[in-house]
Amino acid sequence: TVMMVSGGYPGDYAKGMAITGLDKNPADGVYFHA
């Protein structure tokens, strides 16, 4: 598992950034939304 984080995390980070690519799970895998 590789976690994607917002720039600045664990400190201050922006919210509301549009995300692309999470709509289709990878082959032999899954995206977990956090």
All heavy atoms as atom14 arrays in JSON, in Angstrom:
{
  "sequence": "TVMMVSGGYPGDYAKGMAITGLDKNPADGVYFHA",
  "atom14_mask": [
    [1, 1, 1, 1, 1, 1, 1, 0, 0, 0, 0, 0, 0, 0],
    [1, 1, 1, 1, 1, 1, 1, 0, 0, 0, 0, 0, 0, 0],
    [1, 1, 1, 1, 1, 1, 1, 1, 0, 0, 0, 0, 0, 0],
    [1, 1, 1, 1, 1, 1, 1, 1, 0, 0, 0, 0, 0, 0],
    [1, 1, 1, 1, 1, 1, 1, 0, 0, 0, 0, 0, 0, 0],
    [1, 1, 1, 1, 1, 1, 0, 0, 0, 0, 0, 0, 0, 0],
    [1, 1, 1, 1, 0, 0, 0, 0, 0, 0, 0, 0, 0, 0],
    [1, 1, 1, 1, 0, 0, 0, 0, 0, 0, 0, 0, 0, 0],
    [1, 1, 1, 1, 1, 1, 1, 1, 1, 1, 1, 1, 0, 0],
    [1, 1, 1, 1, 1, 1, 1, 0, 0, 0, 0, 0, 0, 0],
    [1, 1, 1, 1, 0, 0, 0, 0, 0, 0, 0, 0, 0, 0],
    [1, 1, 1, 1, 1, 1, 1, 1, 0, 0, 0, 0, 0, 0],
    [1, 1, 1, 1, 1, 1, 1, 1, 1, 1, 1, 1, 0, 0],
    [1, 1, 1, 1, 1, 0, 0, 0, 0, 0, 0, 0, 0, 0],
    [1, 1, 1, 1, 1, 1, 1, 1, 1, 0, 0, 0, 0, 0],
    [1, 1, 1, 1, 0, 0, 0, 0, 0, 0, 0, 0, 0, 0],
    [1, 1, 1, 1, 1, 1, 1, 1, 0, 0, 0, 0, 0, 0],
    [1, 1, 1, 1, 1, 0, 0, 0, 0, 0, 0, 0, 0, 0],
    [1, 1, 1, 1, 1, 1, 1, 1, 0, 0, 0, 0, 0, 0],
    [1, 1, 1, 1, 1, 1, 1, 0, 0, 0, 0, 0, 0, 0],
    [1, 1, 1, 1, 0, 0, 0, 0, 0, 0, 0, 0, 0, 0],
    [1, 1, 1, 1, 1, 1, 1, 1, 0, 0, 0, 0, 0, 0],
    [1, 1, 1, 1, 1, 1, 1, 1, 0, 0, 0, 0, 0, 0],
    [1, 1, 1, 1, 1, 1, 1, 1, 1, 0, 0, 0, 0, 0],
    [1, 1, 1, 1, 1, 1, 1, 1, 0, 0, 0, 0, 0, 0],
    [1, 1, 1, 1, 1, 1, 1, 0, 0, 0, 0, 0, 0, 0],
    [1, 1, 1, 1, 1, 0, 0, 0, 0, 0, 0, 0, 0, 0],
    [1, 1, 1, 1, 1, 1, 1, 1, 0, 0, 0, 0, 0, 0],
    [1, 1, 1, 1, 0, 0, 0, 0, 0, 0, 0, 0, 0, 0],
    [1, 1, 1, 1, 1, 1, 1, 0, 0, 0, 0, 0, 0, 0],
    [1, 1, 1, 1, 1, 1, 1, 1, 1, 1, 1, 1, 0, 0],
    [1, 1, 1, 1, 1, 1, 1, 1, 1, 1, 1, 0, 0, 0],
    [1, 1, 1, 1, 1, 1, 1, 1, 1, 1, 0, 0, 0, 0],
    [1, 1, 1, 1, 1, 0, 0, 0, 0, 0, 0, 0, 0, 0]
  ],
  "atom14_positions": [
    [[0.84, -1.19, 0.0], [0.0, 0.0, 0.0], [0.88, 1.24, 0.0], [1.83, 1.32, 0.78], [-0.91, 0.04, 1.24], [-1.8, -1.07, 1.19], [-1.72, 1.32, 1.31], [0.0, 0.0, 0.0], [0.0, 0.0, 0.0], [0.0, 0.0, 0.0], [0.0, 0.0, 0.0], [0.0, 0.0, 0.0], [0.0, 0.0, 0.0], [0.0, 0.0, 0.0]],
    [[0.54, 2.17, -0.87], [1.21, 3.46, -0.89], [0.14, 4.52, -0.65], [-0.87, 4.56, -1.37], [1.95, 3.71, -2.22], [2.58, 5.1, -2.22], [3.03, 2.64, -2.44], [0.0, 0.0, 0.0], [0.0, 0.0, 0.0], [0.0, 0.0, 0.0], [0.0, 0.0, 0.0], [0.0, 0.0, 0.0], [0.0, 0.0, 0.0], [0.0, 0.0, 0.0]],
    [[0.35, 5.35, 0.37], [-0.61, 6.39, 0.73], [-0.29, 7.69, 0.01], [0.86, 8.11, -0.01], [-0.56, 6.61, 2.25], [-1.53, 7.64, 2.78], [-3.27, 7.21, 2.64], [-3.42, 5.89, 3.82], [0.0, 0.0, 0.0], [0.0, 0.0, 0.0], [0.0, 0.0, 0.0], [0.0, 0.0, 0.0], [0.0, 0.0, 0.0], [0.0, 0.0, 0.0]],
    [[-1.31, 8.28, -0.57], [-1.18, 9.6, -1.2], [-1.7, 10.63, -0.2], [-2.79, 10.47, 0.35], [-2.01, 9.67, -2.49], [-1.49, 8.74, -3.58], [-2.64, 8.57, -4.95], [-3.67, 7.21, -4.34], [0.0, 0.0, 0.0], [0.0, 0.0, 0.0], [0.0, 0.0, 0.0], [0.0, 0.0, 0.0], [0.0, 0.0, 0.0], [0.0, 0.0, 0.0]],
    [[-0.92, 11.66, 0.01], [-1.29, 12.69, 0.97], [-1.29, 14.06, 0.31], [-0.71, 14.25, -0.76], [-0.36, 12.69, 2.21], [-0.38, 11.34, 2.9], [1.05, 13.09, 1.84], [0.0, 0.0, 0.0], [0.0, 0.0, 0.0], [0.0, 0.0, 0.0], [0.0, 0.0, 0.0], [0.0, 0.0, 0.0], [0.0, 0.0, 0.0], [0.0, 0.0, 0.0]],
    [[-1.94, 15.0, 0.97], [-1.94, 16.38, 0.5], [-0.62, 17.03, 0.86], [-0.1, 16.81, 1.95], [-3.08, 17.17, 1.15], [-4.33, 16.72, 0.69], [0.0, 0.0, 0.0], [0.0, 0.0, 0.0], [0.0, 0.0, 0.0], [0.0, 0.0, 0.0], [0.0, 0.0, 0.0], [0.0, 0.0, 0.0], [0.0, 0.0, 0.0], [0.0, 0.0, 0.0]],
    [[-0.09, 17.83, -0.05], [1.14, 18.57, 0.21], [1.01, 19.36, 1.5], [0.0, 19.99, 1.76], [0.0, 0.0, 0.0], [0.0, 0.0, 0.0], [0.0, 0.0, 0.0], [0.0, 0.0, 0.0], [0.0, 0.0, 0.0], [0.0, 0.0, 0.0], [0.0, 0.0, 0.0], [0.0, 0.0, 0.0], [0.0, 0.0, 0.0], [0.0, 0.0, 0.0]],
    [[2.03, 19.27, 2.34], [2.01, 19.95, 3.64], [1.66, 19.03, 4.79], [1.94, 19.33, 5.94], [0.0, 0.0, 0.0], [0.0, 0.0, 0.0], [0.0, 0.0, 0.0], [0.0, 0.0, 0.0], [0.0, 0.0, 0.0], [0.0, 0.0, 0.0], [0.0, 0.0, 0.0], [0.0, 0.0, 0.0], [0.0, 0.0, 0.0], [0.0, 0.0, 0.0]],
    [[0.98, 17.91, 4.5], [0.62, 16.95, 5.54], [1.89, 16.42, 6.18], [2.85, 16.14, 5.49], [-0.18, 15.8, 4.92], [-0.52, 14.7, 5.9], [-1.6, 14.81, 6.75], [0.25, 13.55, 5.96], [-1.89, 13.81, 7.65], [-0.03, 12.54, 6.85], [-1.1, 12.67, 7.7], [-1.4, 11.69, 8.59], [0.0, 0.0, 0.0], [0.0, 0.0, 0.0]],
    [[1.99, 16.3, 7.49], [0.94, 16.34, 8.48], [0.64, 17.73, 9.03], [-0.19, 17.88, 9.92], [1.46, 15.44, 9.59], [2.94, 15.6, 9.52], [3.25, 15.82, 8.07], [0.0, 0.0, 0.0], [0.0, 0.0, 0.0], [0.0, 0.0, 0.0], [0.0, 0.0, 0.0], [0.0, 0.0, 0.0], [0.0, 0.0, 0.0], [0.0, 0.0, 0.0]],
    [[1.28, 18.74, 8.48], [0.99, 20.11, 8.9], [-0.2, 20.65, 8.12], [-1.14, 19.93, 7.79], [0.0, 0.0, 0.0], [0.0, 0.0, 0.0], [0.0, 0.0, 0.0], [0.0, 0.0, 0.0], [0.0, 0.0, 0.0], [0.0, 0.0, 0.0], [0.0, 0.0, 0.0], [0.0, 0.0, 0.0], [0.0, 0.0, 0.0], [0.0, 0.0, 0.0]],
    [[-0.15, 21.93, 7.82], [-1.23, 22.57, 7.06], [-1.27, 22.07, 5.63], [-0.22, 21.88, 5.01], [-1.04, 24.09, 7.06], [-1.19, 24.69, 8.46], [-1.89, 24.06, 9.29], [-0.62, 25.76, 8.69], [0.0, 0.0, 0.0], [0.0, 0.0, 0.0], [0.0, 0.0, 0.0], [0.0, 0.0, 0.0], [0.0, 0.0, 0.0], [0.0, 0.0, 0.0]],
    [[-2.46, 21.87, 5.12], [-2.65, 21.42, 3.74], [-3.97, 21.96, 3.22], [-4.89, 22.25, 3.98], [-2.64, 19.89, 3.64], [-3.59, 19.21, 4.6], [-4.93, 19.02, 4.26], [-3.16, 18.79, 5.85], [-5.8, 18.42, 5.15], [-4.02, 18.19, 6.73], [-5.35, 18.01, 6.37], [-6.21, 17.42, 7.26], [0.0, 0.0, 0.0], [0.0, 0.0, 0.0]],
    [[-4.03, 22.1, 1.91], [-5.24, 22.62, 1.27], [-6.28, 21.51, 1.13], [-5.93, 20.33, 1.0], [-4.9, 23.2, -0.1], [0.0, 0.0, 0.0], [0.0, 0.0, 0.0], [0.0, 0.0, 0.0], [0.0, 0.0, 0.0], [0.0, 0.0, 0.0], [0.0, 0.0, 0.0], [0.0, 0.0, 0.0], [0.0, 0.0, 0.0], [0.0, 0.0, 0.0]],
    [[-7.53, 21.88, 1.15], [-8.65, 20.96, 0.89], [-9.37, 21.42, -0.36], [-9.23, 22.56, -0.78], [-9.63, 20.95, 2.07], [-9.06, 20.38, 3.34], [-10.14, 20.36, 4.42], [-9.62, 19.78, 5.72], [-10.68, 19.7, 6.73], [0.0, 0.0, 0.0], [0.0, 0.0, 0.0], [0.0, 0.0, 0.0], [0.0, 0.0, 0.0], [0.0, 0.0, 0.0]],
    [[-10.18, 20.52, -0.91], [-11.01, 20.87, -2.06], [-10.31, 20.77, -3.4], [-10.84, 21.25, -4.4], [0.0, 0.0, 0.0], [0.0, 0.0, 0.0], [0.0, 0.0, 0.0], [0.0, 0.0, 0.0], [0.0, 0.0, 0.0], [0.0, 0.0, 0.0], [0.0, 0.0, 0.0], [0.0, 0.0, 0.0], [0.0, 0.0, 0.0], [0.0, 0.0, 0.0]],
    [[-9.14, 20.12, -3.45], [-8.44, 19.94, -4.72], [-9.11, 18.82, -5.51], [-9.34, 17.73, -4.97], [-6.97, 19.57, -4.49], [-6.18, 20.57, -3.68], [-6.0, 22.12, -4.56], [-6.64, 23.24, -3.34], [0.0, 0.0, 0.0], [0.0, 0.0, 0.0], [0.0, 0.0, 0.0], [0.0, 0.0, 0.0], [0.0, 0.0, 0.0], [0.0, 0.0, 0.0]],
    [[-9.44, 19.07, -6.78], [-10.07, 18.06, -7.62], [-9.14, 16.87, -7.8], [-7.94, 17.03, -8.01], [-10.44, 18.66, -8.97], [0.0, 0.0, 0.0], [0.0, 0.0, 0.0], [0.0, 0.0, 0.0], [0.0, 0.0, 0.0], [0.0, 0.0, 0.0], [0.0, 0.0, 0.0], [0.0, 0.0, 0.0], [0.0, 0.0, 0.0], [0.0, 0.0, 0.0]],
    [[-9.71, 15.66, -7.71], [-8.94, 14.42, -7.86], [-9.4, 13.71, -9.12], [-10.6, 13.54, -9.35], [-9.16, 13.48, -6.66], [-8.84, 14.18, -5.34], [-8.32, 12.21, -6.81], [-9.23, 13.37, -4.11], [0.0, 0.0, 0.0], [0.0, 0.0, 0.0], [0.0, 0.0, 0.0], [0.0, 0.0, 0.0], [0.0, 0.0, 0.0], [0.0, 0.0, 0.0]],
    [[-8.44, 13.26, -9.91], [-8.76, 12.42, -11.06], [-8.04, 11.09, -10.9], [-7.0, 11.0, -10.27], [-8.31, 13.08, -12.39], [-6.9, 13.3, -12.34], [-9.04, 14.38, -12.63], [0.0, 0.0, 0.0], [0.0, 0.0, 0.0], [0.0, 0.0, 0.0], [0.0, 0.0, 0.0], [0.0, 0.0, 0.0], [0.0, 0.0, 0.0], [0.0, 0.0, 0.0]],
    [[-8.64, 10.05, -11.46], [-8.01, 8.74, -11.47], [-8.47, 7.76, -10.43], [-8.13, 6.58, -10.5], [0.0, 0.0, 0.0], [0.0, 0.0, 0.0], [0.0, 0.0, 0.0], [0.0, 0.0, 0.0], [0.0, 0.0, 0.0], [0.0, 0.0, 0.0], [0.0, 0.0, 0.0], [0.0, 0.0, 0.0], [0.0, 0.0, 0.0], [0.0, 0.0, 0.0]],
    [[-9.26, 8.19, -9.46], [-9.73, 7.27, -8.42], [-10.99, 6.51, -8.82], [-11.46, 5.66, -8.07], [-10.02, 8.03, -7.11], [-8.83, 8.46, -6.27], [-9.31, 9.23, -5.04], [-7.98, 7.27, -5.85], [0.0, 0.0, 0.0], [0.0, 0.0, 0.0], [0.0, 0.0, 0.0], [0.0, 0.0, 0.0], [0.0, 0.0, 0.0], [0.0, 0.0, 0.0]],
    [[-11.51, 6.8, -10.0], [-12.79, 6.21, -10.4], [-12.67, 4.78, -10.9], [-13.66, 4.06, -11.0], [-13.46, 7.08, -11.47], [-12.55, 7.36, -12.65], [-11.32, 7.37, -12.47], [-13.08, 7.59, -13.75], [0.0, 0.0, 0.0], [0.0, 0.0, 0.0], [0.0, 0.0, 0.0], [0.0, 0.0, 0.0], [0.0, 0.0, 0.0], [0.0, 0.0, 0.0]],
    [[-11.47, 4.3, -11.2], [-11.28, 2.94, -11.69], [-10.16, 2.29, -10.9], [-9.02, 2.75, -10.94], [-10.95, 2.94, -13.18], [-10.85, 1.57, -13.76], [-10.59, 1.61, -15.26], [-10.48, 0.19, -15.77], [-9.77, 0.1, -17.01], [0.0, 0.0, 0.0], [0.0, 0.0, 0.0], [0.0, 0.0, 0.0], [0.0, 0.0, 0.0], [0.0, 0.0, 0.0]],
    [[-10.49, 1.21, -10.18], [-9.47, 0.53, -9.38], [-8.38, -0.06, -10.27], [-8.65, -0.49, -11.39], [-10.1, -0.59, -8.55], [-10.8, -0.07, -7.31], [-10.36, 0.89, -6.71], [-11.88, -0.72, -6.93], [0.0, 0.0, 0.0], [0.0, 0.0, 0.0], [0.0, 0.0, 0.0], [0.0, 0.0, 0.0], [0.0, 0.0, 0.0], [0.0, 0.0, 0.0]],
    [[-7.15, -0.12, -9.75], [-6.06, -0.71, -10.52], [-6.24, -2.22, -10.67], [-6.96, -2.84, -9.88], [-4.83, -0.39, -9.68], [-5.33, -0.14, -8.31], [-6.73, 0.38, -8.45], [0.0, 0.0, 0.0], [0.0, 0.0, 0.0], [0.0, 0.0, 0.0], [0.0, 0.0, 0.0], [0.0, 0.0, 0.0], [0.0, 0.0, 0.0], [0.0, 0.0, 0.0]],
    [[-5.58, -2.8, -11.67], [-5.62, -4.26, -11.83], [-5.02, -4.89, -10.58], [-3.99, -4.44, -10.08], [-4.82, -4.66, -13.06], [0.0, 0.0, 0.0], [0.0, 0.0, 0.0], [0.0, 0.0, 0.0], [0.0, 0.0, 0.0], [0.0, 0.0, 0.0], [0.0, 0.0, 0.0], [0.0, 0.0, 0.0], [0.0, 0.0, 0.0], [0.0, 0.0, 0.0]],
    [[-5.67, -5.92, -10.07], [-5.22, -6.61, -8.86], [-5.05, -5.67, -7.68], [-4.13, -5.81, -6.87], [-3.9, -7.36, -9.1], [-4.05, -8.48, -10.11], [-5.05, -9.2, -10.04], [-3.15, -8.62, -10.97], [0.0, 0.0, 0.0], [0.0, 0.0, 0.0], [0.0, 0.0, 0.0], [0.0, 0.0, 0.0], [0.0, 0.0, 0.0], [0.0, 0.0, 0.0]],
    [[-5.93, -4.67, -7.6], [-5.81, -3.74, -6.5], [-7.07, -2.94, -6.26], [-8.11, -3.16, -6.88], [0.0, 0.0, 0.0], [0.0, 0.0, 0.0], [0.0, 0.0, 0.0], [0.0, 0.0, 0.0], [0.0, 0.0, 0.0], [0.0, 0.0, 0.0], [0.0, 0.0, 0.0], [0.0, 0.0, 0.0], [0.0, 0.0, 0.0], [0.0, 0.0, 0.0]],
    [[-6.93, -1.99, -5.35], [-8.06, -1.16, -4.97], [-7.54, 0.17, -4.43], [-6.44, 0.24, -3.88], [-8.92, -1.88, -3.9], [-8.16, -2.11, -2.62], [-10.22, -1.15, -3.63], [0.0, 0.0, 0.0], [0.0, 0.0, 0.0], [0.0, 0.0, 0.0], [0.0, 0.0, 0.0], [0.0, 0.0, 0.0], [0.0, 0.0, 0.0], [0.0, 0.0, 0.0]],
    [[-8.33, 1.22, -4.64], [-8.06, 2.5, -4.01], [-8.93, 2.59, -2.77], [-10.13, 2.34, -2.83], [-8.41, 3.67, -4.93], [-7.5, 3.83, -6.12], [-7.99, 3.72, -7.41], [-6.15, 4.12, -5.96], [-7.17, 3.88, -8.52], [-5.32, 4.29, -7.06], [-5.83, 4.16, -8.33], [-5.01, 4.32, -9.41], [0.0, 0.0, 0.0], [0.0, 0.0, 0.0]],
    [[-8.34, 2.95, -1.66], [-9.08, 3.22, -0.44], [-9.13, 4.72, -0.24], [-8.09, 5.37, -0.15], [-8.4, 2.57, 0.77], [-8.51, 1.07, 0.82], [-7.49, 0.27, 0.35], [-9.64, 0.47, 1.34], [-7.58, -1.11, 0.4], [-9.77, -0.9, 1.39], [-8.73, -1.7, 0.92], [0.0, 0.0, 0.0], [0.0, 0.0, 0.0], [0.0, 0.0, 0.0]],
    [[-10.33, 5.26, -0.17], [-10.5, 6.69, 0.08], [-10.33, 6.94, 1.58], [-10.84, 6.2, 2.39], [-11.9, 7.14, -0.35], [-12.11, 7.13, -1.82], [-12.36, 8.27, -2.53], [-12.09, 6.13, -2.73], [-12.5, 7.96, -3.81], [-12.34, 6.67, -3.94], [0.0, 0.0, 0.0], [0.0, 0.0, 0.0], [0.0, 0.0, 0.0], [0.0, 0.0, 0.0]],
    [[-9.6, 7.98, 1.91], [-9.41, 8.36, 3.3], [-9.89, 9.8, 3.5], [-10.9, 10.04, 4.15], [-7.95, 8.21, 3.69], [0.0, 0.0, 0.0], [0.0, 0.0, 0.0], [0.0, 0.0, 0.0], [0.0, 0.0, 0.0], [0.0, 0.0, 0.0], [0.0, 0.0, 0.0], [0.0, 0.0, 0.0], [0.0, 0.0, 0.0], [0.0, 0.0, 0.0]]
  ]
}
